[in-house]
Protein backbone atom coordinates (compact mmCIF):
# COMPACT_ATOMS: atom_id res chain seq x y z
CA MET A 1 15.50 16.59 4.85
CA VAL A 2 13.08 13.65 4.70
CA LEU A 3 10.21 14.19 2.28
CA GLU A 4 6.75 12.72 2.44
CA ASN A 5 4.49 12.03 -0.51
CA GLN A 6 3.49 15.24 -2.34
CA LYS A 7 0.65 14.00 -4.52
CA HIS A 8 -1.71 16.55 -2.98
CA LEU A 9 0.18 19.24 -4.93
CA PHE A 10 -0.65 17.58 -8.25
CA ASP A 11 -3.78 16.80 -10.22
CA ILE A 12 -3.24 13.10 -10.97
CA PRO A 13 -6.36 10.86 -10.80
CA GLU A 14 -6.24 7.78 -8.58
CA ASP A 15 -6.70 5.40 -11.51
CA ILE A 16 -3.58 6.73 -13.29
CA THR A 17 -0.16 5.16 -12.64
CA TYR A 18 2.24 7.79 -13.92
CA LEU A 19 5.84 6.59 -14.03
CA ASN A 20 6.96 8.69 -16.99
CA ILE A 21 8.15 12.11 -15.80
CA ALA A 22 11.36 11.54 -17.79
CA SER A 23 9.22 12.17 -20.89
CA GLN A 24 7.00 14.95 -19.58
CA SER A 25 6.36 16.23 -16.08
CA PRO A 26 2.91 16.94 -14.73
CA SER A 27 2.47 20.48 -13.44
CA PHE A 28 1.84 20.96 -9.78
CA LYS A 29 -0.92 23.35 -8.87
CA ALA A 30 1.29 26.38 -8.18
CA VAL A 31 2.82 26.12 -11.67
CA TYR A 32 -0.65 25.82 -13.21
CA GLU A 33 -1.83 28.92 -11.34
CA ALA A 34 1.29 30.83 -12.38
CA GLY A 35 0.51 30.01 -16.01
CA LEU A 36 -2.99 31.38 -15.58
CA GLU A 37 -1.56 34.58 -14.11
CA GLY A 38 0.64 34.90 -17.18
CA LEU A 39 -2.38 34.46 -19.43
CA LYS A 40 -4.24 37.18 -17.52
CA GLN A 41 -1.30 39.55 -18.00
CA LYS A 42 -1.24 38.83 -21.73
CA ASN A 43 -4.99 39.39 -21.81
CA GLN A 44 -4.41 42.86 -20.36
CA PRO A 45 -1.20 44.02 -22.10
CA TYR A 46 -1.54 47.53 -20.72
CA THR A 47 -0.51 46.06 -17.34
CA ILE A 48 2.86 44.90 -18.73
CA LYS A 49 5.73 47.10 -17.56
CA THR A 50 9.14 47.50 -19.18
CA SER A 51 10.69 45.78 -16.17
CA ASP A 52 8.54 42.69 -16.84
CA TYR A 53 10.69 41.90 -19.86
CA PHE A 54 13.86 41.73 -17.75
CA TYR A 55 13.59 41.29 -13.98
CA PRO A 56 11.64 38.01 -13.92
CA VAL A 57 14.29 36.52 -16.25
CA ILE A 58 17.02 37.59 -13.81
CA GLU A 59 15.08 35.97 -10.95
CA LEU A 60 14.78 32.76 -12.96
CA LYS A 61 18.50 32.71 -13.74
CA LYS A 62 19.33 33.19 -10.07
CA LEU A 63 17.10 30.26 -9.14
CA PHE A 64 18.67 27.92 -11.68
CA ALA A 65 22.16 29.03 -10.65
CA LYS A 66 21.29 28.18 -7.05
CA LEU A 67 19.95 24.76 -8.06
CA ILE A 68 23.19 23.78 -9.83
CA ASP A 69 25.48 25.44 -7.26
CA ALA A 70 26.82 28.11 -9.63
CA ASN A 71 28.04 31.40 -8.18
CA GLU A 72 27.13 33.67 -11.09
CA TYR A 73 23.63 33.93 -12.50
CA ASN A 74 25.09 35.74 -15.52
CA ARG A 75 26.46 32.36 -16.61
CA ILE A 76 22.89 31.13 -17.11
CA ALA A 77 21.03 31.49 -20.42
CA THR A 78 17.32 30.88 -20.85
CA ILE A 79 16.80 28.88 -24.03
CA PRO A 80 13.95 26.94 -25.69
CA SER A 81 15.50 23.48 -25.97
CA VAL A 82 18.54 21.28 -25.47
CA SER A 83 19.19 21.27 -29.21
CA TYR A 84 19.33 25.09 -29.17
CA GLY A 85 21.86 24.99 -26.34
CA MET A 86 24.02 22.34 -27.99
CA ALA A 87 23.93 24.25 -31.29
CA THR A 88 25.10 27.35 -29.42
CA VAL A 89 27.99 25.40 -27.91
CA ALA A 90 28.96 23.87 -31.26
CA ASN A 91 28.80 27.29 -32.92
CA ASN A 92 31.64 28.44 -30.69
CA ILE A 93 34.06 25.53 -31.00
CA VAL A 94 36.86 25.36 -33.56
CA LEU A 95 38.47 21.95 -34.10
CA ASN A 96 41.56 20.67 -35.84
CA GLU A 97 41.47 17.90 -38.41
CA ASN A 98 41.33 14.47 -36.74
CA ASN A 99 40.34 15.90 -33.37
CA GLU A 100 37.97 13.59 -31.54
CA ILE A 101 34.53 14.23 -30.06
CA LEU A 102 33.70 11.65 -27.40
CA VAL A 103 30.10 10.51 -26.90
CA ILE A 104 28.43 7.43 -25.42
CA ASP A 105 26.46 4.65 -27.05
CA GLU A 106 22.87 5.55 -28.05
CA GLN A 107 23.15 9.12 -26.80
CA PHE A 108 20.02 11.25 -27.05
CA PRO A 109 19.76 12.84 -30.55
CA SER A 110 19.78 16.45 -29.29
CA ASN A 111 23.21 15.72 -27.83
CA MET A 112 24.47 14.10 -31.02
CA TYR A 113 23.41 15.91 -34.19
CA SER A 114 25.31 19.12 -33.40
CA TRP A 115 28.50 17.11 -32.87
CA GLN A 116 28.03 15.24 -36.14
CA ARG A 117 27.77 18.55 -37.97
CA LEU A 118 30.78 19.95 -36.10
CA ALA A 119 32.88 16.86 -36.88
CA LYS A 120 31.96 17.06 -40.56
CA LYS A 121 32.81 20.77 -40.70
CA TYR A 122 36.35 20.27 -39.38
CA SER A 123 37.05 16.69 -40.57
CA ALA A 124 37.08 15.54 -36.95
CA LYS A 125 35.97 12.14 -35.63
CA ILE A 126 33.08 11.04 -33.46
CA ILE A 127 34.24 8.41 -30.95
CA VAL A 128 31.37 6.36 -29.53
CA VAL A 129 32.06 4.50 -26.30
CA LYS A 130 29.92 1.37 -26.56
CA ALA A 131 27.95 0.00 -23.62
CA PRO A 132 29.67 -3.06 -22.09
CA LYS A 133 28.04 -5.51 -19.67
CA THR A 134 28.52 -3.32 -16.60
CA VAL A 135 28.30 0.41 -15.89
CA LYS A 136 31.55 0.18 -13.93
CA GLN A 137 33.30 -1.01 -17.07
CA TRP A 138 31.55 1.67 -19.11
CA ASN A 139 33.03 4.40 -16.93
CA GLU A 140 36.47 2.83 -17.23
CA ASP A 141 36.12 2.68 -21.02
CA ILE A 142 35.12 6.35 -21.18
CA LEU A 143 38.21 7.34 -19.21
CA LYS A 144 40.45 5.22 -21.44
CA ALA A 145 39.00 6.85 -24.55
CA ILE A 146 39.99 10.38 -23.48
CA ASN A 147 43.41 11.20 -24.93
CA GLU A 148 45.46 13.95 -26.56
CA LYS A 149 43.16 13.94 -29.61
CA THR A 150 40.02 14.49 -27.55
CA ALA A 151 38.77 18.04 -28.06
CA LEU A 152 35.31 17.57 -26.59
CA VAL A 153 33.51 15.15 -24.26
CA ALA A 154 29.73 15.44 -24.68
CA ILE A 155 27.87 13.27 -22.20
CA GLY A 156 24.89 13.11 -19.87
CA ASN A 157 25.06 12.68 -16.10
CA ILE A 158 23.27 9.38 -16.73
CA HIS A 159 22.18 7.41 -19.77
CA TRP A 160 18.77 8.77 -20.64
CA SER A 161 17.19 5.36 -21.33
CA ASN A 162 18.16 3.37 -18.24
CA GLY A 163 19.72 5.62 -15.58
CA SER A 164 23.28 4.27 -15.89
CA LEU A 165 25.34 6.67 -13.76
CA PHE A 166 28.52 8.20 -15.15
CA ASP A 167 31.37 9.35 -12.93
CA LEU A 168 31.40 12.95 -14.11
CA LYS A 169 33.91 14.18 -11.57
CA THR A 170 36.58 11.69 -12.67
CA ILE A 171 35.68 12.19 -16.33
CA SER A 172 36.01 15.97 -15.87
CA THR A 173 39.44 15.60 -14.27
CA LYS A 174 40.67 13.41 -17.13
CA ALA A 175 39.21 15.73 -19.78
CA LYS A 176 40.85 18.79 -18.22
CA SER A 177 44.23 17.04 -18.13
CA TYR A 178 44.06 17.07 -21.96
CA ASN A 179 42.43 20.53 -22.20
CA SER A 180 39.28 18.87 -23.56
CA LEU A 181 35.95 20.66 -23.28
CA LEU A 182 33.26 18.97 -21.17
CA VAL A 183 29.64 19.54 -22.22
CA ILE A 184 26.92 17.92 -20.13
CA ASP A 185 23.29 17.20 -20.97
CA GLY A 186 21.61 17.38 -17.56
CA SER A 187 18.06 16.92 -18.79
CA GLN A 188 17.44 13.66 -16.92
CA THR A 189 19.16 14.55 -13.64
CA ILE A 190 19.07 18.27 -12.83
CA GLY A 191 16.34 18.79 -10.26
CA ALA A 192 16.12 15.16 -9.12
CA PHE A 193 19.77 14.23 -8.54
CA PRO A 194 22.41 16.36 -6.76
CA PHE A 195 24.70 18.29 -9.09
CA SER A 196 27.31 20.97 -8.44
CA ILE A 197 29.00 23.15 -11.03
CA LYS A 198 31.78 23.71 -8.49
CA ASP A 199 32.46 19.98 -8.21
CA ILE A 200 32.17 18.96 -11.86
CA GLN A 201 33.38 22.22 -13.50
CA PRO A 202 31.86 21.62 -16.93
CA ASP A 203 32.43 24.08 -19.75
CA ALA A 204 28.73 23.96 -20.50
CA LEU A 205 25.63 22.35 -18.99
CA ILE A 206 22.45 22.22 -21.03
CA CYS A 207 19.19 21.09 -19.47
CA ALA A 208 15.60 20.66 -20.61
CA GLY A 209 13.12 22.39 -18.34
CA TYR A 210 9.93 20.39 -18.90
CA LYS A 211 10.96 17.17 -17.17
CA TRP A 212 12.40 17.15 -13.64
CA LEU A 213 12.21 20.97 -13.46
CA PHE A 214 8.42 21.04 -14.04
CA GLY A 215 8.47 23.88 -16.55
CA PRO A 216 6.32 24.13 -19.69
CA TYR A 217 7.30 22.29 -22.86
CA GLY A 218 9.55 24.65 -24.80
CA CYS A 219 11.84 25.85 -22.00
CA ALA A 220 15.42 24.91 -21.17
CA TYR A 221 18.49 26.26 -19.41
CA GLY A 222 22.15 26.64 -20.29
CA TYR A 223 25.17 27.18 -18.09
CA PHE A 224 28.18 28.52 -20.03
CA GLY A 225 31.66 28.62 -18.50
CA SER A 226 34.43 31.12 -19.18
CA TYR A 227 35.43 29.43 -22.47
CA PHE A 228 32.25 30.88 -24.00
CA ASP A 229 32.42 34.39 -22.50
CA LYS A 230 33.25 36.08 -25.82
CA GLY A 231 31.37 33.69 -28.09
CA GLN A 232 28.93 34.26 -30.92
CA PRO A 233 25.21 33.60 -30.31
CA ILE A 234 23.22 31.85 -33.01
CA GLU A 235 20.76 34.75 -33.13
CA GLU A 236 20.90 38.46 -32.36
CA ASN A 237 18.38 39.14 -29.61
CA TRP A 238 17.89 42.80 -28.74
CA THR A 239 17.42 42.12 -25.02
CA ASN A 240 20.91 40.60 -24.83
CA ARG A 241 22.64 43.90 -25.66
CA PHE A 242 23.78 46.52 -23.18
CA ASP A 243 21.21 49.16 -22.21
CA SER A 244 18.36 47.23 -23.86
CA GLU A 245 16.15 48.23 -20.91
CA ASN A 246 16.04 51.74 -22.42
CA PHE A 247 13.21 51.31 -24.91
CA ALA A 248 13.47 54.90 -26.10
CA GLY A 249 17.07 54.34 -27.17
CA LEU A 250 16.80 50.93 -28.84
CA THR A 251 17.86 52.30 -32.21
CA ASN A 252 21.09 53.56 -30.69
CA TYR A 253 22.44 50.16 -31.69
CA ARG A 254 24.95 48.72 -29.26
CA SER A 255 27.75 46.38 -30.26
CA GLU A 256 28.34 45.20 -26.68
CA TYR A 257 26.52 42.17 -25.31
CA LYS A 258 25.52 41.90 -21.70
CA PRO A 259 28.20 39.96 -19.79
CA LYS A 260 28.95 36.26 -20.02
CA ALA A 261 26.11 33.88 -20.94
CA ASN A 262 23.47 36.58 -21.43
CA ARG A 263 24.39 36.76 -25.12
CA TYR A 264 23.06 33.22 -25.60
CA CYS A 265 19.50 33.76 -24.34
CA VAL A 266 16.85 33.07 -26.94
CA GLY A 267 14.74 35.91 -28.30
CA GLU A 268 11.56 36.57 -26.30
CA SER A 269 12.97 34.64 -23.35
CA GLY A 270 10.97 36.96 -21.10
CA SER A 271 7.74 35.15 -22.05
CA PHE A 272 5.27 36.32 -19.41
CA ILE A 273 3.52 32.94 -19.26
CA TYR A 274 6.55 30.64 -19.34
CA ILE A 275 8.71 32.64 -16.96
CA LYS A 276 6.06 32.75 -14.25
CA MET A 277 5.60 28.99 -14.49
CA GLN A 278 9.34 28.30 -14.47
CA ILE A 279 9.95 30.50 -11.43
CA GLU A 280 7.28 28.73 -9.37
CA ALA A 281 8.59 25.35 -10.49
CA LEU A 282 12.22 26.05 -9.56
CA LYS A 283 11.25 27.53 -6.20
CA GLN A 284 9.51 24.28 -5.30
CA VAL A 285 12.29 22.00 -6.58
CA ILE A 286 14.88 23.99 -4.61
CA ASN A 287 12.68 23.75 -1.51
CA TRP A 288 12.37 19.97 -1.90
CA THR A 289 16.09 19.61 -2.77
CA PRO A 290 17.35 17.10 -5.36
CA LYS A 291 18.96 14.95 -2.65
CA ALA A 292 15.69 14.56 -0.76
CA ILE A 293 13.89 13.73 -4.01
CA GLN A 294 16.51 11.10 -4.82
CA ASP A 295 16.25 9.61 -1.33
CA TYR A 296 12.46 9.46 -1.56
CA CYS A 297 12.59 7.70 -4.91
CA LYS A 298 15.11 5.21 -3.53
CA GLN A 299 12.81 4.45 -0.63
CA ILE A 300 9.66 3.81 -2.68
CA THR A 301 11.42 1.73 -5.36
CA LYS A 302 13.49 -0.58 -3.16
CA LYS A 303 10.90 -3.35 -2.68
CA PRO A 304 9.40 -3.06 -6.21
CA VAL A 305 12.88 -3.41 -7.75
CA ASN A 306 13.49 -6.60 -5.76
CA LYS A 307 10.14 -7.99 -6.93
CA LEU A 308 10.91 -7.14 -10.55
CA LYS A 309 14.29 -8.84 -10.31
CA ALA A 310 12.57 -11.92 -8.85
CA LEU A 311 10.41 -12.03 -12.00
CA GLY A 312 13.54 -12.25 -14.15
CA CYS A 313 13.87 -8.56 -15.06
CA LYS A 314 17.39 -7.12 -15.17
CA ILE A 315 17.96 -3.86 -13.31
CA GLU A 316 21.36 -2.29 -12.74
CA ASP A 317 22.89 -2.46 -9.27
CA ASP A 318 21.92 0.45 -6.99
CA ASN A 319 25.44 1.88 -6.89
CA TYR A 320 25.62 2.34 -10.65
CA ARG A 321 22.27 3.93 -11.45
CA THR A 322 19.87 6.61 -10.27
CA HIS A 323 16.64 5.92 -8.37
CA HIS A 324 14.38 8.52 -9.95
CA LEU A 325 15.02 6.95 -13.37
CA PHE A 326 16.06 3.38 -14.14
CA GLY A 327 15.63 0.77 -16.83
CA ILE A 328 14.01 -2.63 -16.69
CA LYS A 329 15.56 -4.97 -19.23
CA LEU A 330 13.07 -7.64 -20.24
CA PRO A 331 13.67 -11.10 -21.69
CA GLU A 332 14.05 -11.01 -25.48
CA ASN A 333 11.17 -13.43 -26.11
CA ILE A 334 8.54 -11.12 -24.62
CA ASP A 335 5.88 -9.67 -26.94
CA PHE A 336 6.58 -5.95 -26.57
CA ASP A 337 3.57 -4.84 -28.62
CA ALA A 338 1.17 -6.87 -26.48
CA LEU A 339 2.80 -5.54 -23.31
CA LYS A 340 2.51 -1.93 -24.50
CA LYS A 341 -1.18 -2.35 -25.26
CA ASP A 342 -1.82 -4.00 -21.91
CA LEU A 343 -0.03 -1.26 -19.96
CA PHE A 344 -1.91 1.45 -21.83
CA SER A 345 -5.27 -0.25 -21.25
CA LYS A 346 -4.54 -0.30 -17.52
CA ASN A 347 -3.54 3.41 -17.42
CA ILE A 348 0.08 2.55 -16.59
CA PHE A 349 2.37 5.13 -18.19
CA VAL A 350 6.04 4.26 -18.75
CA SER A 351 8.47 4.65 -21.66
CA PHE A 352 9.93 2.02 -23.95
CA ARG A 353 13.52 2.84 -24.85
CA GLY A 354 15.38 0.25 -26.89
CA ASN A 355 15.32 -3.03 -24.96
CA TYR A 356 14.32 -1.26 -21.77
CA ILE A 357 11.17 -0.15 -20.06
CA ARG A 358 12.20 3.18 -18.58
CA ILE A 359 10.70 3.90 -15.17
CA SER A 360 10.75 7.45 -13.85
CA CYS A 361 9.09 8.40 -10.59
CA HIS A 362 8.75 11.40 -8.31
CA LEU A 363 7.19 12.68 -5.11
CA TYR A 364 3.64 12.11 -6.34
CA ASN A 365 4.35 8.36 -6.53
CA THR A 366 4.26 5.79 -3.74
CA GLU A 367 5.46 2.22 -3.45
CA ALA A 368 1.88 1.14 -4.20
CA ASP A 369 2.10 2.70 -7.68
CA PHE A 370 4.44 -0.10 -8.72
CA LYS A 371 1.98 -2.89 -7.90
CA PRO A 372 -0.11 -2.51 -11.12
CA LEU A 373 3.12 -2.45 -13.17
CA ILE A 374 4.51 -5.55 -11.47
CA ASN A 375 1.24 -7.44 -11.87
CA CYS A 376 1.04 -6.54 -15.54
CA LEU A 377 4.64 -7.58 -16.21
CA ALA A 378 4.13 -10.82 -14.28
CA SER A 379 1.24 -11.79 -16.52
CA HIS A 380 3.45 -11.39 -19.61
CA LEU A 381 6.55 -12.99 -18.17
């Protein structure tokens, strides 16, 4: 599939250069309208049926399972955040003293704090694989660091600040050879970069829903493999128990959870407003396909990347990064504060992450959107 520009589906003014979906996605019009429909339903609660608490959630799980190439929608949990998902994972892992938890340098906090607590609880060690000069070397260092002490590898598909691409398939194979768990934060790739549960076979995949999946802020998804089938949720949500659809019998308390990952869904996950928005968003992303989105982003960024490199900016080689999200490393002598103010004054929206400007684009962008950014950087460089 070859995609054309989709800006007509969004409400982004012509004078705005939005290259920051990795922080927060804009809603396309169908998602906005779905949210309004949810508000109308809440405004008329007598129209809410018992089935509305359950069936839309099942539809949403099926859509996310399809997106990540998972066979069973019952392995999907609807959750409010990545930190909630990682806390759920950590709650169901028992370590031995001196076991190792492998992470990468400057990992996003929501994929770090739970592991720090887990390591402290069991006197285990956090092993941080530092970033070398090349991403190729980084992948090699990650593989070397996995050994008989490694109990858990917690990593993203890419580095969230600059798009450095990790070889998850090879990492997964190495981790499994030592019976290590593999937990992936897919927040910056799922929806915009191809991913298959069948290929990678992670034990858990946790993903924010308000970035590349165009959901509202406060939604996320979790895939939980068979290791977690009999685990303990971090809260006791009544809808996660067997026969919870029978409102008249809710006080016939059931000890059995619904199968597989259903036990990990957050309370009130059937939010009438959120679920409607999430369903419309995932339908559209699936229709576009992550591969076509990635190809489109590669096409519109090819010439701008070459121009930025000509200005002296450092950008990772195409084969070792993604195209929907990548970092621009600037010379150390640049005045970052002045650059930030200048970009903001010109309605150019990007993120500053460490020594990088993080660029994140989508189908509402064109090659022309990079011209204001390049001109602004040129004046400071």
